[in-house]
Amino acid sequence: MAHINLLPWREQEKKQKQRDFFVGMGVSVGAMVVVLLGIHLFIVSFQNDQTQRNILLKNEIDFQAVKLAKIADLDAKKKKLLNKIKIIKGLERYRFGVVHVVDGLAKVVPDGIYLTQLTQTGNALEIKGKSRSNVQISRLMRSIENSLWLKSPQLQIIQAVNKERKDYLDDFKVNLKHFYNLVN
């Protein structure tokens, strides 16, 4: 029988398999690198898109914040204007109130009394004057009670000045309230 040496053929086949293995590994590693590079590029692209969206949203939020600030400013201006309108309407409503109060005073002051001072604080009035007798002061108090514009008289002071003279005058002070805001 002839001896055939199979070792070189096995050796060549083993080297061929190793080369095929390394080529397969190289191709696999190359394919893996390409796949990983593709995934990396996809993720980077996705991140860039998200960054662009975030920038767009931030710009839109800033724009809306400016609009909201303008709206808040307009609301504040509106409140100020409404308050001014309310004050103007109140002034318009009560503009003749002082006239009514003075007219009411002229109607309630009886003969024998003259007023020296009139002080207003809010809807409170303080009247100072002179009178020939206490009867006129009583008449003044009753007239104020019956008046449409004047209410709640309170006599504070009656002070005799000089009783030795024939035409003596008493000083008096009356506090009262006026109601000119009853008119619509």
N, C-alpha and C. Protein backbone atom coordinates (compact mmCIF):
# COMPACT_ATOMS: atom_id res chain seq x y z
N MET A 1 0.81 -1.13 0.00
CA MET A 1 0.00 0.00 0.00
C MET A 1 0.88 1.23 0.00
N ALA A 2 0.36 2.16 -0.62
CA ALA A 2 1.16 3.36 -0.75
C ALA A 2 0.83 4.28 0.42
N HIS A 3 1.90 4.84 0.82
CA HIS A 3 1.71 5.78 1.93
C HIS A 3 1.44 7.16 1.38
N ILE A 4 0.35 7.70 1.81
CA ILE A 4 0.00 9.06 1.41
C ILE A 4 0.06 9.89 2.69
N ASN A 5 0.79 10.93 2.55
CA ASN A 5 0.93 11.82 3.70
C ASN A 5 -0.19 12.86 3.63
N LEU A 6 -1.08 12.81 4.59
CA LEU A 6 -2.22 13.73 4.63
C LEU A 6 -1.92 14.96 5.50
N LEU A 7 -0.79 14.98 6.16
CA LEU A 7 -0.50 16.08 7.07
C LEU A 7 -0.44 17.44 6.38
N PRO A 8 0.25 17.59 5.24
CA PRO A 8 0.27 18.92 4.63
C PRO A 8 -1.13 19.36 4.22
N TRP A 9 -1.94 18.43 3.77
CA TRP A 9 -3.29 18.79 3.35
C TRP A 9 -4.10 19.23 4.56
N ARG A 10 -3.97 18.54 5.69
CA ARG A 10 -4.66 18.91 6.92
C ARG A 10 -4.15 20.25 7.42
N GLU A 11 -2.85 20.40 7.27
CA GLU A 11 -2.24 21.65 7.72
C GLU A 11 -2.77 22.80 6.87
N GLN A 12 -2.90 22.63 5.60
CA GLN A 12 -3.42 23.67 4.72
C GLN A 12 -4.89 23.93 5.02
N GLU A 13 -5.62 22.86 5.27
CA GLU A 13 -7.04 23.01 5.58
C GLU A 13 -7.20 23.76 6.90
N LYS A 14 -6.35 23.45 7.89
CA LYS A 14 -6.40 24.11 9.19
C LYS A 14 -6.08 25.60 9.01
N LYS A 15 -5.06 25.93 8.18
CA LYS A 15 -4.71 27.32 7.94
C LYS A 15 -5.85 28.03 7.20
N GLN A 16 -6.49 27.31 6.27
CA GLN A 16 -7.62 27.88 5.52
C GLN A 16 -8.76 28.18 6.47
N LYS A 17 -9.05 27.27 7.40
CA LYS A 17 -10.13 27.47 8.36
C LYS A 17 -9.79 28.65 9.27
N GLN A 18 -8.52 28.76 9.67
CA GLN A 18 -8.12 29.87 10.52
C GLN A 18 -8.29 31.19 9.75
N ARG A 19 -7.85 31.18 8.50
CA ARG A 19 -8.04 32.39 7.69
C ARG A 19 -9.51 32.71 7.53
N ASP A 20 -10.31 31.71 7.24
CA ASP A 20 -11.75 31.93 7.11
C ASP A 20 -12.33 32.45 8.43
N PHE A 21 -11.86 31.89 9.54
CA PHE A 21 -12.34 32.33 10.85
C PHE A 21 -11.98 33.78 11.08
N PHE A 22 -10.72 34.13 10.81
CA PHE A 22 -10.30 35.52 11.03
C PHE A 22 -10.98 36.48 10.06
N VAL A 23 -11.17 36.04 8.84
CA VAL A 23 -11.89 36.87 7.87
C VAL A 23 -13.32 37.04 8.35
N GLY A 24 -13.95 35.96 8.81
CA GLY A 24 -15.32 36.04 9.35
C GLY A 24 -15.38 36.96 10.55
N MET A 25 -14.33 36.82 11.44
CA MET A 25 -14.28 37.69 12.62
C MET A 25 -14.10 39.13 12.17
N GLY A 26 -13.24 39.36 11.19
CA GLY A 26 -13.01 40.72 10.69
C GLY A 26 -14.27 41.30 10.09
N VAL A 27 -14.94 40.46 9.28
CA VAL A 27 -16.19 40.91 8.67
C VAL A 27 -17.22 41.18 9.76
N SER A 28 -17.30 40.29 10.77
CA SER A 28 -18.25 40.47 11.88
C SER A 28 -17.93 41.74 12.65
N VAL A 29 -16.63 41.92 12.95
CA VAL A 29 -16.23 43.13 13.69
C VAL A 29 -16.52 44.36 12.83
N GLY A 30 -16.21 44.28 11.56
CA GLY A 30 -16.50 45.41 10.65
C GLY A 30 -17.98 45.70 10.60
N ALA A 31 -18.79 44.62 10.47
CA ALA A 31 -20.24 44.81 10.43
C ALA A 31 -20.73 45.39 11.75
N MET A 32 -20.14 44.89 12.86
CA MET A 32 -20.52 45.39 14.18
C MET A 32 -20.15 46.87 14.30
N VAL A 33 -18.96 47.24 13.81
CA VAL A 33 -18.54 48.65 13.86
C VAL A 33 -19.48 49.50 13.02
N VAL A 34 -19.84 49.00 11.84
CA VAL A 34 -20.76 49.75 10.97
C VAL A 34 -22.12 49.90 11.65
N VAL A 35 -22.62 48.80 12.26
CA VAL A 35 -23.91 48.85 12.95
C VAL A 35 -23.83 49.83 14.13
N LEU A 36 -22.75 49.72 14.94
CA LEU A 36 -22.59 50.62 16.07
C LEU A 36 -22.44 52.07 15.62
N LEU A 37 -21.70 52.28 14.55
CA LEU A 37 -21.56 53.63 14.02
C LEU A 37 -22.91 54.15 13.54
N GLY A 38 -23.67 53.30 12.89
CA GLY A 38 -25.02 53.69 12.45
C GLY A 38 -25.91 54.04 13.64
N ILE A 39 -25.86 53.20 14.69
CA ILE A 39 -26.66 53.47 15.89
C ILE A 39 -26.21 54.78 16.53
N HIS A 40 -24.87 54.96 16.60
CA HIS A 40 -24.34 56.19 17.18
C HIS A 40 -24.80 57.42 16.38
N LEU A 41 -24.72 57.33 15.06
CA LEU A 41 -25.17 58.45 14.24
C LEU A 41 -26.67 58.70 14.39
N PHE A 42 -27.45 57.62 14.52
CA PHE A 42 -28.89 57.76 14.74
C PHE A 42 -29.16 58.47 16.07
N ILE A 43 -28.45 58.06 17.11
CA ILE A 43 -28.64 58.66 18.43
C ILE A 43 -28.20 60.13 18.41
N VAL A 44 -27.06 60.41 17.79
CA VAL A 44 -26.60 61.80 17.70
C VAL A 44 -27.60 62.63 16.91
N SER A 45 -28.12 62.09 15.84
CA SER A 45 -29.13 62.79 15.05
C SER A 45 -30.38 63.03 15.89
N PHE A 46 -30.81 62.02 16.64
CA PHE A 46 -31.97 62.15 17.52
C PHE A 46 -31.71 63.22 18.59
N GLN A 47 -30.50 63.22 19.17
CA GLN A 47 -30.16 64.23 20.17
C GLN A 47 -30.16 65.63 19.57
N ASN A 48 -29.62 65.77 18.36
CA ASN A 48 -29.62 67.08 17.71
C ASN A 48 -31.04 67.55 17.43
N ASP A 49 -31.89 66.64 16.97
CA ASP A 49 -33.30 66.99 16.73
C ASP A 49 -33.97 67.42 18.04
N GLN A 50 -33.70 66.68 19.11
CA GLN A 50 -34.29 67.01 20.41
C GLN A 50 -33.77 68.35 20.93
N THR A 51 -32.48 68.60 20.70
CA THR A 51 -31.90 69.89 21.10
C THR A 51 -32.56 71.03 20.34
N GLN A 52 -32.77 70.82 19.04
CA GLN A 52 -33.46 71.83 18.24
C GLN A 52 -34.88 72.06 18.74
N ARG A 53 -35.58 70.98 19.07
CA ARG A 53 -36.95 71.11 19.61
C ARG A 53 -36.92 71.84 20.95
N ASN A 54 -35.94 71.51 21.80
CA ASN A 54 -35.83 72.18 23.10
C ASN A 54 -35.58 73.67 22.93
N ILE A 55 -34.71 74.02 21.99
CA ILE A 55 -34.44 75.43 21.73
C ILE A 55 -35.70 76.13 21.23
N LEU A 56 -36.40 75.47 20.32
CA LEU A 56 -37.66 76.02 19.80
C LEU A 56 -38.67 76.21 20.93
N LEU A 57 -38.81 75.20 21.80
CA LEU A 57 -39.74 75.31 22.92
C LEU A 57 -39.33 76.41 23.89
N LYS A 58 -38.03 76.52 24.15
CA LYS A 58 -37.55 77.57 25.06
C LYS A 58 -37.85 78.94 24.48
N ASN A 59 -37.60 79.12 23.19
CA ASN A 59 -37.91 80.40 22.54
C ASN A 59 -39.40 80.70 22.61
N GLU A 60 -40.21 79.68 22.39
CA GLU A 60 -41.67 79.88 22.44
C GLU A 60 -42.12 80.20 23.87
N ILE A 61 -41.52 79.54 24.85
CA ILE A 61 -41.85 79.81 26.25
C ILE A 61 -41.46 81.24 26.61
N ASP A 62 -40.27 81.67 26.18
CA ASP A 62 -39.84 83.04 26.43
C ASP A 62 -40.79 84.04 25.77
N PHE A 63 -41.21 83.74 24.55
CA PHE A 63 -42.15 84.61 23.83
C PHE A 63 -43.47 84.70 24.57
N GLN A 64 -43.96 83.54 25.04
CA GLN A 64 -45.22 83.53 25.79
C GLN A 64 -45.08 84.24 27.14
N ALA A 65 -43.90 84.13 27.76
CA ALA A 65 -43.67 84.83 29.03
C ALA A 65 -43.73 86.34 28.82
N VAL A 66 -43.18 86.80 27.71
CA VAL A 66 -43.26 88.23 27.39
C VAL A 66 -44.71 88.64 27.20
N LYS A 67 -45.48 87.80 26.51
CA LYS A 67 -46.90 88.09 26.30
C LYS A 67 -47.64 88.12 27.64
N LEU A 68 -47.34 87.17 28.52
CA LEU A 68 -47.99 87.14 29.83
C LEU A 68 -47.63 88.37 30.65
N ALA A 69 -46.38 88.81 30.56
CA ALA A 69 -45.98 90.02 31.28
C ALA A 69 -46.75 91.23 30.75
N LYS A 70 -46.91 91.28 29.42
CA LYS A 70 -47.69 92.38 28.84
C LYS A 70 -49.14 92.31 29.29
N ILE A 71 -49.70 91.09 29.36
CA ILE A 71 -51.08 90.93 29.81
C ILE A 71 -51.21 91.35 31.26
N ALA A 72 -50.25 90.96 32.09
CA ALA A 72 -50.28 91.37 33.50
C ALA A 72 -50.19 92.89 33.62
N ASP A 73 -49.33 93.49 32.80
CA ASP A 73 -49.21 94.95 32.80
C ASP A 73 -50.52 95.60 32.36
N LEU A 74 -51.14 95.03 31.34
CA LEU A 74 -52.43 95.56 30.88
C LEU A 74 -53.51 95.39 31.95
N ASP A 75 -53.49 94.26 32.67
CA ASP A 75 -54.45 94.06 33.75
C ASP A 75 -54.25 95.10 34.85
N ALA A 76 -52.99 95.39 35.17
CA ALA A 76 -52.72 96.41 36.20
C ALA A 76 -53.21 97.78 35.73
N LYS A 77 -52.94 98.10 34.45
CA LYS A 77 -53.42 99.37 33.90
C LYS A 77 -54.94 99.42 33.90
N LYS A 78 -55.56 98.27 33.58
CA LYS A 78 -57.03 98.21 33.57
C LYS A 78 -57.59 98.48 34.96
N LYS A 79 -56.97 97.86 35.98
CA LYS A 79 -57.43 98.08 37.35
C LYS A 79 -57.28 99.55 37.74
N LYS A 80 -56.14 100.16 37.37
CA LYS A 80 -55.94 101.57 37.68
C LYS A 80 -57.00 102.43 37.00
N LEU A 81 -57.26 102.12 35.72
CA LEU A 81 -58.27 102.89 34.99
C LEU A 81 -59.66 102.70 35.59
N LEU A 82 -59.98 101.47 35.98
CA LEU A 82 -61.28 101.23 36.59
C LEU A 82 -61.41 101.98 37.91
N ASN A 83 -60.31 102.02 38.68
CA ASN A 83 -60.34 102.78 39.93
C ASN A 83 -60.53 104.28 39.65
N LYS A 84 -59.85 104.79 38.62
CA LYS A 84 -60.01 106.19 38.26
C LYS A 84 -61.44 106.47 37.82
N ILE A 85 -62.00 105.56 37.02
CA ILE A 85 -63.38 105.72 36.57
C ILE A 85 -64.32 105.72 37.77
N LYS A 86 -64.06 104.83 38.71
CA LYS A 86 -64.90 104.76 39.92
C LYS A 86 -64.82 106.08 40.70
N ILE A 87 -63.61 106.61 40.84
CA ILE A 87 -63.44 107.88 41.56
C ILE A 87 -64.15 109.01 40.81
N ILE A 88 -63.98 109.02 39.50
CA ILE A 88 -64.63 110.08 38.70
C ILE A 88 -66.14 109.97 38.80
N LYS A 89 -66.67 108.74 38.74
CA LYS A 89 -68.12 108.57 38.88
C LYS A 89 -68.58 109.03 40.26
N GLY A 90 -67.78 108.70 41.29
CA GLY A 90 -68.13 109.15 42.64
C GLY A 90 -68.12 110.66 42.73
N LEU A 91 -67.10 111.30 42.14
CA LEU A 91 -67.06 112.76 42.14
C LEU A 91 -68.23 113.34 41.36
N GLU A 92 -68.53 112.72 40.24
CA GLU A 92 -69.66 113.18 39.43
C GLU A 92 -70.97 113.03 40.21
N ARG A 93 -71.09 111.95 40.92
CA ARG A 93 -72.32 111.67 41.67
C ARG A 93 -72.50 112.67 42.81
N TYR A 94 -71.39 113.03 43.46
CA TYR A 94 -71.48 113.88 44.66
C TYR A 94 -71.03 115.32 44.42
N ARG A 95 -70.94 115.73 43.17
CA ARG A 95 -70.39 117.06 42.91
C ARG A 95 -71.27 118.17 43.44
N PHE A 96 -72.56 117.94 43.55
CA PHE A 96 -73.45 118.97 44.08
C PHE A 96 -73.71 118.78 45.57
N GLY A 97 -73.05 117.83 46.18
CA GLY A 97 -73.28 117.54 47.59
C GLY A 97 -72.94 118.71 48.49
N VAL A 98 -71.82 119.37 48.23
CA VAL A 98 -71.42 120.51 49.05
C VAL A 98 -72.44 121.63 48.90
N VAL A 99 -72.93 121.81 47.70
CA VAL A 99 -73.95 122.83 47.48
C VAL A 99 -75.19 122.52 48.30
N HIS A 100 -75.59 121.25 48.31
CA HIS A 100 -76.77 120.86 49.09
C HIS A 100 -76.53 121.07 50.59
N VAL A 101 -75.33 120.75 51.04
CA VAL A 101 -75.02 120.92 52.47
C VAL A 101 -75.08 122.39 52.85
N VAL A 102 -74.44 123.25 52.04
CA VAL A 102 -74.45 124.68 52.35
C VAL A 102 -75.87 125.24 52.24
N ASP A 103 -76.59 124.80 51.23
CA ASP A 103 -77.99 125.23 51.09
C ASP A 103 -78.81 124.74 52.28
N GLY A 104 -78.58 123.51 52.71
CA GLY A 104 -79.28 122.98 53.88
C GLY A 104 -78.95 123.77 55.13
N LEU A 105 -77.69 124.16 55.28
CA LEU A 105 -77.31 124.98 56.43
C LEU A 105 -78.01 126.33 56.39
N ALA A 106 -78.07 126.93 55.21
CA ALA A 106 -78.74 128.22 55.09
C ALA A 106 -80.21 128.12 55.47
N LYS A 107 -80.83 126.99 55.18
CA LYS A 107 -82.25 126.81 55.49
C LYS A 107 -82.50 126.51 56.96
N VAL A 108 -81.54 125.86 57.64
CA VAL A 108 -81.79 125.46 59.03
C VAL A 108 -81.33 126.49 60.05
N VAL A 109 -80.51 127.44 59.67
CA VAL A 109 -80.02 128.44 60.63
C VAL A 109 -81.13 129.48 60.87
N PRO A 110 -81.63 129.56 62.11
CA PRO A 110 -82.71 130.53 62.39
C PRO A 110 -82.15 131.94 62.59
N ASP A 111 -83.06 132.90 62.66
CA ASP A 111 -82.67 134.28 62.94
C ASP A 111 -82.06 134.35 64.34
N GLY A 112 -81.10 135.21 64.51
CA GLY A 112 -80.46 135.36 65.80
C GLY A 112 -79.21 134.52 65.94
N ILE A 113 -78.87 133.75 64.92
CA ILE A 113 -77.65 132.94 64.93
C ILE A 113 -76.86 133.30 63.69
N TYR A 114 -75.56 133.44 63.86
CA TYR A 114 -74.70 133.54 62.69
C TYR A 114 -73.50 132.63 62.89
N LEU A 115 -73.08 132.06 61.80
CA LEU A 115 -72.01 131.07 61.82
C LEU A 115 -70.66 131.76 61.59
N THR A 116 -69.67 131.32 62.36
CA THR A 116 -68.32 131.89 62.21
C THR A 116 -67.35 130.92 61.56
N GLN A 117 -67.62 129.63 61.69
CA GLN A 117 -66.68 128.66 61.13
C GLN A 117 -67.43 127.39 60.78
N LEU A 118 -67.05 126.80 59.65
CA LEU A 118 -67.62 125.52 59.18
C LEU A 118 -66.45 124.64 58.78
N THR A 119 -66.31 123.46 59.41
CA THR A 119 -65.21 122.55 59.12
C THR A 119 -65.80 121.20 58.73
N GLN A 120 -65.31 120.65 57.63
CA GLN A 120 -65.78 119.34 57.16
C GLN A 120 -64.66 118.34 57.25
N THR A 121 -64.96 117.14 57.79
CA THR A 121 -64.03 116.02 57.82
C THR A 121 -64.83 114.79 57.41
N GLY A 122 -64.61 114.31 56.18
CA GLY A 122 -65.41 113.18 55.69
C GLY A 122 -66.85 113.64 55.54
N ASN A 123 -67.77 112.93 56.20
CA ASN A 123 -69.16 113.38 56.16
C ASN A 123 -69.57 114.01 57.50
N ALA A 124 -68.58 114.39 58.28
CA ALA A 124 -68.84 115.08 59.55
C ALA A 124 -68.59 116.57 59.38
N LEU A 125 -69.46 117.37 59.98
CA LEU A 125 -69.32 118.81 59.95
C LEU A 125 -69.20 119.34 61.37
N GLU A 126 -68.43 120.39 61.51
CA GLU A 126 -68.35 121.09 62.79
C GLU A 126 -68.71 122.54 62.51
N ILE A 127 -69.74 123.01 63.23
CA ILE A 127 -70.21 124.37 63.04
C ILE A 127 -69.89 125.15 64.31
N LYS A 128 -69.29 126.31 64.13
CA LYS A 128 -69.07 127.23 65.23
C LYS A 128 -69.78 128.52 64.88
N GLY A 129 -70.37 129.15 65.90
CA GLY A 129 -71.09 130.39 65.63
C GLY A 129 -71.43 131.14 66.90
N LYS A 130 -72.27 132.14 66.73
CA LYS A 130 -72.71 132.98 67.83
C LYS A 130 -74.23 133.02 67.81
N SER A 131 -74.80 133.11 69.03
CA SER A 131 -76.25 133.11 69.16
C SER A 131 -76.65 134.13 70.20
N ARG A 132 -77.86 134.70 70.04
CA ARG A 132 -78.37 135.65 71.02
C ARG A 132 -78.92 134.93 72.24
N SER A 133 -79.44 133.69 72.03
CA SER A 133 -79.97 132.95 73.18
C SER A 133 -79.91 131.46 72.91
N ASN A 134 -80.13 130.70 73.96
CA ASN A 134 -80.13 129.25 73.85
C ASN A 134 -81.33 128.75 73.06
N VAL A 135 -82.40 129.54 73.01
CA VAL A 135 -83.60 129.14 72.27
C VAL A 135 -83.27 129.00 70.79
N GLN A 136 -82.49 129.94 70.26
CA GLN A 136 -82.13 129.84 68.84
C GLN A 136 -81.25 128.61 68.60
N ILE A 137 -80.39 128.27 69.55
CA ILE A 137 -79.56 127.08 69.39
C ILE A 137 -80.43 125.83 69.40
N SER A 138 -81.46 125.79 70.27
CA SER A 138 -82.40 124.67 70.28
C SER A 138 -83.15 124.58 68.97
N ARG A 139 -83.57 125.74 68.44
CA ARG A 139 -84.27 125.76 67.16
C ARG A 139 -83.34 125.24 66.05
N LEU A 140 -82.08 125.62 66.10
CA LEU A 140 -81.09 125.14 65.11
C LEU A 140 -80.97 123.62 65.19
N MET A 141 -80.90 123.08 66.39
CA MET A 141 -80.76 121.63 66.56
C MET A 141 -81.98 120.89 65.98
N ARG A 142 -83.19 121.41 66.27
CA ARG A 142 -84.41 120.77 65.73
C ARG A 142 -84.47 120.88 64.21
N SER A 143 -84.05 122.02 63.67
CA SER A 143 -84.07 122.20 62.21
C SER A 143 -83.10 121.23 61.54
N ILE A 144 -81.94 121.01 62.18
CA ILE A 144 -80.97 120.06 61.62
C ILE A 144 -81.56 118.66 61.62
N GLU A 145 -82.25 118.28 62.70
CA GLU A 145 -82.88 116.94 62.78
C GLU A 145 -83.90 116.74 61.66
N ASN A 146 -84.62 117.79 61.29
CA ASN A 146 -85.67 117.68 60.27
C ASN A 146 -85.16 117.90 58.86
N SER A 147 -83.89 118.21 58.72
CA SER A 147 -83.31 118.50 57.41
C SER A 147 -83.10 117.21 56.61
N LEU A 148 -83.19 117.34 55.29
CA LEU A 148 -82.93 116.20 54.40
C LEU A 148 -81.43 115.91 54.30
N TRP A 149 -80.60 116.94 54.34
CA TRP A 149 -79.18 116.80 54.08
C TRP A 149 -78.34 116.73 55.34
N LEU A 150 -78.85 117.17 56.46
CA LEU A 150 -78.06 117.23 57.69
C LEU A 150 -78.72 116.38 58.76
N LYS A 151 -77.92 115.63 59.50
CA LYS A 151 -78.46 114.72 60.53
C LYS A 151 -77.53 114.68 61.74
N SER A 152 -78.01 114.12 62.80
CA SER A 152 -77.26 113.80 64.02
C SER A 152 -76.54 114.99 64.63
N PRO A 153 -77.25 116.07 64.98
CA PRO A 153 -76.56 117.19 65.62
C PRO A 153 -76.19 116.84 67.06
N GLN A 154 -75.02 117.25 67.45
CA GLN A 154 -74.55 117.07 68.83
C GLN A 154 -73.96 118.39 69.29
N LEU A 155 -74.59 118.98 70.29
CA LEU A 155 -74.12 120.24 70.81
C LEU A 155 -72.88 119.98 71.66
N GLN A 156 -71.81 120.64 71.34
CA GLN A 156 -70.55 120.44 72.06
C GLN A 156 -70.33 121.51 73.11
N ILE A 157 -70.50 122.76 72.73
CA ILE A 157 -70.18 123.86 73.64
C ILE A 157 -71.21 124.97 73.49
N ILE A 158 -71.66 125.50 74.62
CA ILE A 158 -72.34 126.80 74.68
C ILE A 158 -71.58 127.59 75.72
N GLN A 159 -71.09 128.73 75.31
CA GLN A 159 -70.26 129.51 76.22
C GLN A 159 -70.75 130.96 76.19
N ALA A 160 -71.14 131.46 77.36
CA ALA A 160 -71.58 132.84 77.47
C ALA A 160 -70.35 133.73 77.42
N VAL A 161 -70.43 134.77 76.59
CA VAL A 161 -69.28 135.63 76.40
C VAL A 161 -69.33 136.82 77.37
N ASN A 162 -70.33 137.68 77.24
CA ASN A 162 -70.42 138.87 78.08
C ASN A 162 -71.89 139.12 78.36
N LYS A 163 -72.35 138.73 79.53
CA LYS A 163 -73.77 138.86 79.85
C LYS A 163 -74.11 140.26 80.35
N GLU A 164 -73.15 141.09 80.59
CA GLU A 164 -73.42 142.43 81.09
C GLU A 164 -73.93 143.34 79.98
N ARG A 165 -73.55 143.03 78.77
CA ARG A 165 -74.02 143.84 77.64
C ARG A 165 -75.44 143.43 77.28
N LYS A 166 -76.20 144.34 76.75
CA LYS A 166 -77.59 144.09 76.42
C LYS A 166 -77.72 143.14 75.24
N ASP A 167 -76.85 143.26 74.25
CA ASP A 167 -76.91 142.42 73.05
C ASP A 167 -75.84 141.33 73.12
N TYR A 168 -75.77 140.64 74.26
CA TYR A 168 -74.72 139.64 74.42
C TYR A 168 -74.94 138.48 73.47
N LEU A 169 -73.83 137.80 73.13
CA LEU A 169 -73.87 136.66 72.23
C LEU A 169 -73.19 135.48 72.90
N ASP A 170 -73.78 134.29 72.73
CA ASP A 170 -73.17 133.05 73.23
C ASP A 170 -72.41 132.38 72.09
N ASP A 171 -71.23 131.88 72.40
CA ASP A 171 -70.49 131.07 71.43
C ASP A 171 -70.99 129.63 71.54
N PHE A 172 -71.12 128.95 70.41
CA PHE A 172 -71.53 127.55 70.44
C PHE A 172 -70.76 126.77 69.39
N LYS A 173 -70.78 125.46 69.59
CA LYS A 173 -70.16 124.54 68.63
C LYS A 173 -71.06 123.32 68.53
N VAL A 174 -71.40 122.95 67.29
CA VAL A 174 -72.28 121.80 67.03
C VAL A 174 -71.57 120.89 66.04
N ASN A 175 -71.58 119.61 66.35
CA ASN A 175 -71.08 118.60 65.40
C ASN A 175 -72.29 117.91 64.78
N LEU A 176 -72.23 117.65 63.48
CA LEU A 176 -73.32 116.97 62.80
C LEU A 176 -72.78 116.21 61.61
N LYS A 177 -73.66 115.48 60.96
CA LYS A 177 -73.27 114.70 59.79
C LYS A 177 -74.09 115.17 58.60
N HIS A 178 -73.49 115.09 57.41
CA HIS A 178 -74.23 115.43 56.19
C HIS A 178 -74.38 114.17 55.35
N PHE A 179 -75.47 114.11 54.63
CA PHE A 179 -75.81 112.92 53.84
C PHE A 179 -76.09 113.29 52.40
N TYR A 180 -75.17 113.94 51.75
CA TYR A 180 -75.41 114.26 50.36
C TYR A 180 -75.22 113.07 49.47
N ASN A 181 -74.73 111.95 49.98
CA ASN A 181 -74.55 110.77 49.14
C ASN A 181 -75.84 109.96 49.01
N LEU A 182 -76.95 110.48 49.53
CA LEU A 182 -78.23 109.78 49.37
C LEU A 182 -78.80 110.00 47.97
N VAL A 183 -78.37 111.02 47.28
CA VAL A 183 -78.91 111.34 45.96
C VAL A 183 -78.22 110.47 44.92
N ASN A 184 -78.99 109.90 44.01
CA ASN A 184 -78.42 109.08 42.94
C ASN A 184 -78.33 109.87 41.66
